[in-house]
Amino acid sequence: MAPRDALRSLALVLPLALGASTPATPRPAPEPVYMVYYWKVRPGHEAEYAAYVRDVAEKIDAEAQKAGVFESVTTFMPAIQTGAASADWTYMRVFKLSSWAALDEFSAGLDAAGRRLYPTPGSQPSSAGMRDLVRQEIWREFR
């Protein structure tokens, strides 16, 4: 083999050999994101809203979770003790999402889950008139 041909072969093989031995740069794991809703149930609707969460919202949540819209959801109520100031909310729902990208699709994913369970327009029970949105927040874990 002529020296020129040997150099040409080395020039073709060397980048492949170097690329194979270069360690891959590790990608950081996606950061979980939490979508938090604070709801205030209107007076006189406490039992009706609790039934709505159990019978409607939790079913939609299960459908959305199965579709990968979010990882988990937890519903909280404040523990009000004698003499303690009452919270400005009665229910807080915390959805854990896999990433910031999942946050972009969250609302549409919940809506789609509701349509799968209630395909006829207007058939999905509504919580309108039972509660008011106090605020919503986006949280991330402290690391």
C-alpha atoms as a PDB file:
ATOM      1  CA  MET A   1       0.000   0.000   0.000  1.00  0.00           C
ATOM      2  CA  ALA A   2       1.373   3.390  -0.950  1.00  0.00           C
ATOM      3  CA  PRO A   3       1.920   5.931   1.847  1.00  0.00           C
ATOM      4  CA  ARG A   4      -0.697   8.184   0.324  1.00  0.00           C
ATOM      5  CA  ASP A   5      -3.329   5.368   0.390  1.00  0.00           C
ATOM      6  CA  ALA A   6      -2.400   4.513   3.989  1.00  0.00           C
ATOM      7  CA  LEU A   7      -2.931   8.131   5.064  1.00  0.00           C
ATOM      8  CA  ARG A   8      -6.250   8.253   3.254  1.00  0.00           C
ATOM      9  CA  SER A   9      -7.397   5.050   5.038  1.00  0.00           C
ATOM     10  CA  LEU A  10      -6.245   6.429   8.392  1.00  0.00           C
ATOM     11  CA  ALA A  11      -8.117   9.675   7.730  1.00  0.00           C
ATOM     12  CA  LEU A  12     -11.318   7.700   7.151  1.00  0.00           C
ATOM     13  CA  VAL A  13     -10.934   5.328  10.119  1.00  0.00           C
ATOM     14  CA  LEU A  14      -9.537   7.692  12.782  1.00  0.00           C
ATOM     15  CA  PRO A  15     -12.717   9.815  13.259  1.00  0.00           C
ATOM     16  CA  LEU A  16     -14.791   6.655  13.658  1.00  0.00           C
ATOM     17  CA  ALA A  17     -12.394   5.228  16.228  1.00  0.00           C
ATOM     18  CA  LEU A  18     -12.219   8.486  18.181  1.00  0.00           C
ATOM     19  CA  GLY A  19     -15.981   8.940  18.109  1.00  0.00           C
ATOM     20  CA  ALA A  20     -16.529   5.450  19.465  1.00  0.00           C
ATOM     21  CA  SER A  21     -14.171   6.038  22.377  1.00  0.00           C
ATOM     22  CA  THR A  22     -15.543   9.452  23.374  1.00  0.00           C
ATOM     23  CA  PRO A  23     -17.837   9.115  26.396  1.00  0.00           C
ATOM     24  CA  ALA A  24     -21.367  10.369  25.844  1.00  0.00           C
ATOM     25  CA  THR A  25     -22.337  13.517  27.696  1.00  0.00           C
ATOM     26  CA  PRO A  26     -24.956  12.547  30.268  1.00  0.00           C
ATOM     27  CA  ARG A  27     -28.267  14.315  29.894  1.00  0.00           C
ATOM     28  CA  PRO A  28     -29.841  15.711  33.033  1.00  0.00           C
ATOM     29  CA  ALA A  29     -33.034  13.974  34.101  1.00  0.00           C
ATOM     30  CA  PRO A  30     -36.185  15.989  33.356  1.00  0.00           C
ATOM     31  CA  GLU A  31     -37.173  18.172  36.274  1.00  0.00           C
ATOM     32  CA  PRO A  32     -40.618  17.415  37.692  1.00  0.00           C
ATOM     33  CA  VAL A  33     -43.058  20.317  37.743  1.00  0.00           C
ATOM     34  CA  TYR A  34     -46.110  20.707  39.991  1.00  0.00           C
ATOM     35  CA  MET A  35     -49.304  22.411  38.874  1.00  0.00           C
ATOM     36  CA  VAL A  36     -51.204  23.554  41.952  1.00  0.00           C
ATOM     37  CA  TYR A  37     -54.797  24.748  42.043  1.00  0.00           C
ATOM     38  CA  TYR A  38     -56.397  26.380  45.100  1.00  0.00           C
ATOM     39  CA  TRP A  39     -60.195  26.208  45.128  1.00  0.00           C
ATOM     40  CA  LYS A  40     -62.693  27.794  47.511  1.00  0.00           C
ATOM     41  CA  VAL A  41     -65.978  25.922  47.767  1.00  0.00           C
ATOM     42  CA  ARG A  42     -68.967  28.209  47.964  1.00  0.00           C
ATOM     43  CA  PRO A  43     -70.972  28.056  51.199  1.00  0.00           C
ATOM     44  CA  GLY A  44     -73.589  25.335  51.180  1.00  0.00           C
ATOM     45  CA  HIS A  45     -71.875  23.329  48.408  1.00  0.00           C
ATOM     46  CA  GLU A  46     -69.330  21.406  50.493  1.00  0.00           C
ATOM     47  CA  ALA A  47     -70.971  17.969  50.203  1.00  0.00           C
ATOM     48  CA  GLU A  48     -71.894  18.502  46.545  1.00  0.00           C
ATOM     49  CA  TYR A  49     -68.331  19.502  45.647  1.00  0.00           C
ATOM     50  CA  ALA A  50     -66.792  16.607  47.599  1.00  0.00           C
ATOM     51  CA  ALA A  51     -69.030  14.252  45.592  1.00  0.00           C
ATOM     52  CA  TYR A  52     -67.992  15.991  42.353  1.00  0.00           C
ATOM     53  CA  VAL A  53     -64.290  15.480  43.150  1.00  0.00           C
ATOM     54  CA  ARG A  54     -64.840  11.796  43.996  1.00  0.00           C
ATOM     55  CA  ASP A  55     -67.280  10.962  41.189  1.00  0.00           C
ATOM     56  CA  VAL A  56     -66.142  13.174  38.306  1.00  0.00           C
ATOM     57  CA  ALA A  57     -62.757  14.846  38.788  1.00  0.00           C
ATOM     58  CA  GLU A  58     -60.986  11.734  40.079  1.00  0.00           C
ATOM     59  CA  LYS A  59     -62.258   9.681  37.108  1.00  0.00           C
ATOM     60  CA  ILE A  60     -61.030  12.292  34.647  1.00  0.00           C
ATOM     61  CA  ASP A  61     -57.731  12.431  36.537  1.00  0.00           C
ATOM     62  CA  ALA A  62     -57.340   8.651  36.312  1.00  0.00           C
ATOM     63  CA  GLU A  63     -58.003   8.747  32.559  1.00  0.00           C
ATOM     64  CA  ALA A  64     -55.491  11.577  32.072  1.00  0.00           C
ATOM     65  CA  GLN A  65     -52.876   9.856  34.223  1.00  0.00           C
ATOM     66  CA  LYS A  66     -53.308   6.636  32.237  1.00  0.00           C
ATOM     67  CA  ALA A  67     -52.664   8.686  29.074  1.00  0.00           C
ATOM     68  CA  GLY A  68     -49.449  10.099  30.578  1.00  0.00           C
ATOM     69  CA  VAL A  69     -50.684  13.662  31.081  1.00  0.00           C
ATOM     70  CA  PHE A  70     -49.305  13.737  34.641  1.00  0.00           C
ATOM     71  CA  GLU A  71     -47.595  11.397  37.084  1.00  0.00           C
ATOM     72  CA  SER A  72     -49.727  11.851  40.199  1.00  0.00           C
ATOM     73  CA  VAL A  73     -52.306  14.078  41.835  1.00  0.00           C
ATOM     74  CA  THR A  74     -53.045  14.720  45.495  1.00  0.00           C
ATOM     75  CA  THR A  75     -55.962  16.688  46.875  1.00  0.00           C
ATOM     76  CA  PHE A  76     -55.466  18.516  50.167  1.00  0.00           C
ATOM     77  CA  MET A  77     -57.818  20.233  52.578  1.00  0.00           C
ATOM     78  CA  PRO A  78     -56.579  22.579  55.312  1.00  0.00           C
ATOM     79  CA  ALA A  79     -56.618  21.256  58.853  1.00  0.00           C
ATOM     80  CA  ILE A  80     -58.405  24.042  60.668  1.00  0.00           C
ATOM     81  CA  GLN A  81     -57.950  24.002  64.426  1.00  0.00           C
ATOM     82  CA  THR A  82     -59.781  25.987  67.082  1.00  0.00           C
ATOM     83  CA  GLY A  83     -58.367  29.486  67.149  1.00  0.00           C
ATOM     84  CA  ALA A  84     -56.418  29.110  63.916  1.00  0.00           C
ATOM     85  CA  ALA A  85     -57.022  31.478  61.034  1.00  0.00           C
ATOM     86  CA  SER A  86     -58.925  29.753  58.266  1.00  0.00           C
ATOM     87  CA  ALA A  87     -57.293  29.333  54.877  1.00  0.00           C
ATOM     88  CA  ASP A  88     -58.468  31.289  51.853  1.00  0.00           C
ATOM     89  CA  TRP A  89     -58.997  27.952  50.064  1.00  0.00           C
ATOM     90  CA  THR A  90     -60.869  24.758  50.865  1.00  0.00           C
ATOM     91  CA  TYR A  91     -59.231  22.344  48.387  1.00  0.00           C
ATOM     92  CA  MET A  92     -55.743  22.325  46.946  1.00  0.00           C
ATOM     93  CA  ARG A  93     -55.000  19.940  44.081  1.00  0.00           C
ATOM     94  CA  VAL A  94     -51.342  19.237  43.318  1.00  0.00           C
ATOM     95  CA  PHE A  95     -50.521  17.572  39.992  1.00  0.00           C
ATOM     96  CA  LYS A  96     -47.005  16.216  39.541  1.00  0.00           C
ATOM     97  CA  LEU A  97     -45.860  16.462  35.924  1.00  0.00           C
ATOM     98  CA  SER A  98     -42.794  14.775  34.488  1.00  0.00           C
ATOM     99  CA  SER A  99     -41.256  17.909  32.967  1.00  0.00           C
ATOM    100  CA  TRP A 100     -41.745  21.477  31.841  1.00  0.00           C
ATOM    101  CA  ALA A 101     -42.720  20.140  28.421  1.00  0.00           C
ATOM    102  CA  ALA A 102     -45.542  18.151  30.055  1.00  0.00           C
ATOM    103  CA  LEU A 103     -46.805  21.399  31.599  1.00  0.00           C
ATOM    104  CA  ASP A 104     -47.376  22.813  28.105  1.00  0.00           C
ATOM    105  CA  GLU A 105     -49.748  19.920  27.308  1.00  0.00           C
ATOM    106  CA  PHE A 106     -51.390  19.613  30.731  1.00  0.00           C
ATOM    107  CA  SER A 107     -54.668  21.520  30.217  1.00  0.00           C
ATOM    108  CA  ALA A 108     -55.257  20.034  26.777  1.00  0.00           C
ATOM    109  CA  GLY A 109     -54.549  16.559  28.168  1.00  0.00           C
ATOM    110  CA  LEU A 110     -57.097  16.965  30.979  1.00  0.00           C
ATOM    111  CA  ASP A 111     -59.676  18.289  28.529  1.00  0.00           C
ATOM    112  CA  ALA A 112     -59.084  15.321  26.209  1.00  0.00           C
ATOM    113  CA  ALA A 113     -59.504  12.894  29.118  1.00  0.00           C
ATOM    114  CA  GLY A 114     -62.822  14.526  29.984  1.00  0.00           C
ATOM    115  CA  ARG A 115     -64.009  14.207  26.375  1.00  0.00           C
ATOM    116  CA  ARG A 116     -63.078  10.508  26.310  1.00  0.00           C
ATOM    117  CA  LEU A 117     -65.187   9.875  29.422  1.00  0.00           C
ATOM    118  CA  TYR A 118     -68.016  12.220  28.391  1.00  0.00           C
ATOM    119  CA  PRO A 119     -68.020  12.201  24.558  1.00  0.00           C
ATOM    120  CA  THR A 120     -71.431  13.816  24.159  1.00  0.00           C
ATOM    121  CA  PRO A 121     -71.114  17.629  24.287  1.00  0.00           C
ATOM    122  CA  GLY A 122     -72.597  18.962  27.510  1.00  0.00           C
ATOM    123  CA  SER A 123     -72.696  15.563  29.229  1.00  0.00           C
ATOM    124  CA  GLN A 124     -69.737  16.168  31.536  1.00  0.00           C
ATOM    125  CA  PRO A 125     -70.907  17.283  34.993  1.00  0.00           C
ATOM    126  CA  SER A 126     -69.652  20.738  35.895  1.00  0.00           C
ATOM    127  CA  SER A 127     -68.405  22.204  39.140  1.00  0.00           C
ATOM    128  CA  ALA A 128     -69.453  25.707  38.076  1.00  0.00           C
ATOM    129  CA  GLY A 129     -71.431  27.342  40.814  1.00  0.00           C
ATOM    130  CA  MET A 130     -69.850  25.134  43.492  1.00  0.00           C
ATOM    131  CA  ARG A 131     -66.354  26.606  43.675  1.00  0.00           C
ATOM    132  CA  ASP A 132     -64.149  29.527  42.748  1.00  0.00           C
ATOM    133  CA  LEU A 133     -60.515  29.435  41.699  1.00  0.00           C
ATOM    134  CA  VAL A 134     -58.476  31.273  44.320  1.00  0.00           C
ATOM    135  CA  ARG A 135     -55.160  30.950  42.497  1.00  0.00           C
ATOM    136  CA  GLN A 136     -52.945  28.548  40.630  1.00  0.00           C
ATOM    137  CA  GLU A 137     -49.207  28.163  41.033  1.00  0.00           C
ATOM    138  CA  ILE A 138     -46.417  26.277  39.341  1.00  0.00           C
ATOM    139  CA  TRP A 139     -43.918  24.695  41.696  1.00  0.00           C
ATOM    140  CA  ARG A 140     -40.618  22.903  41.288  1.00  0.00           C
ATOM    141  CA  GLU A 141     -38.637  20.854  43.754  1.00  0.00           C
ATOM    142  CA  PHE A 142     -35.928  22.500  45.795  1.00  0.00           C
ATOM    143  CA  ARG A 143     -32.625  20.930  44.811  1.00  0.00           C
END
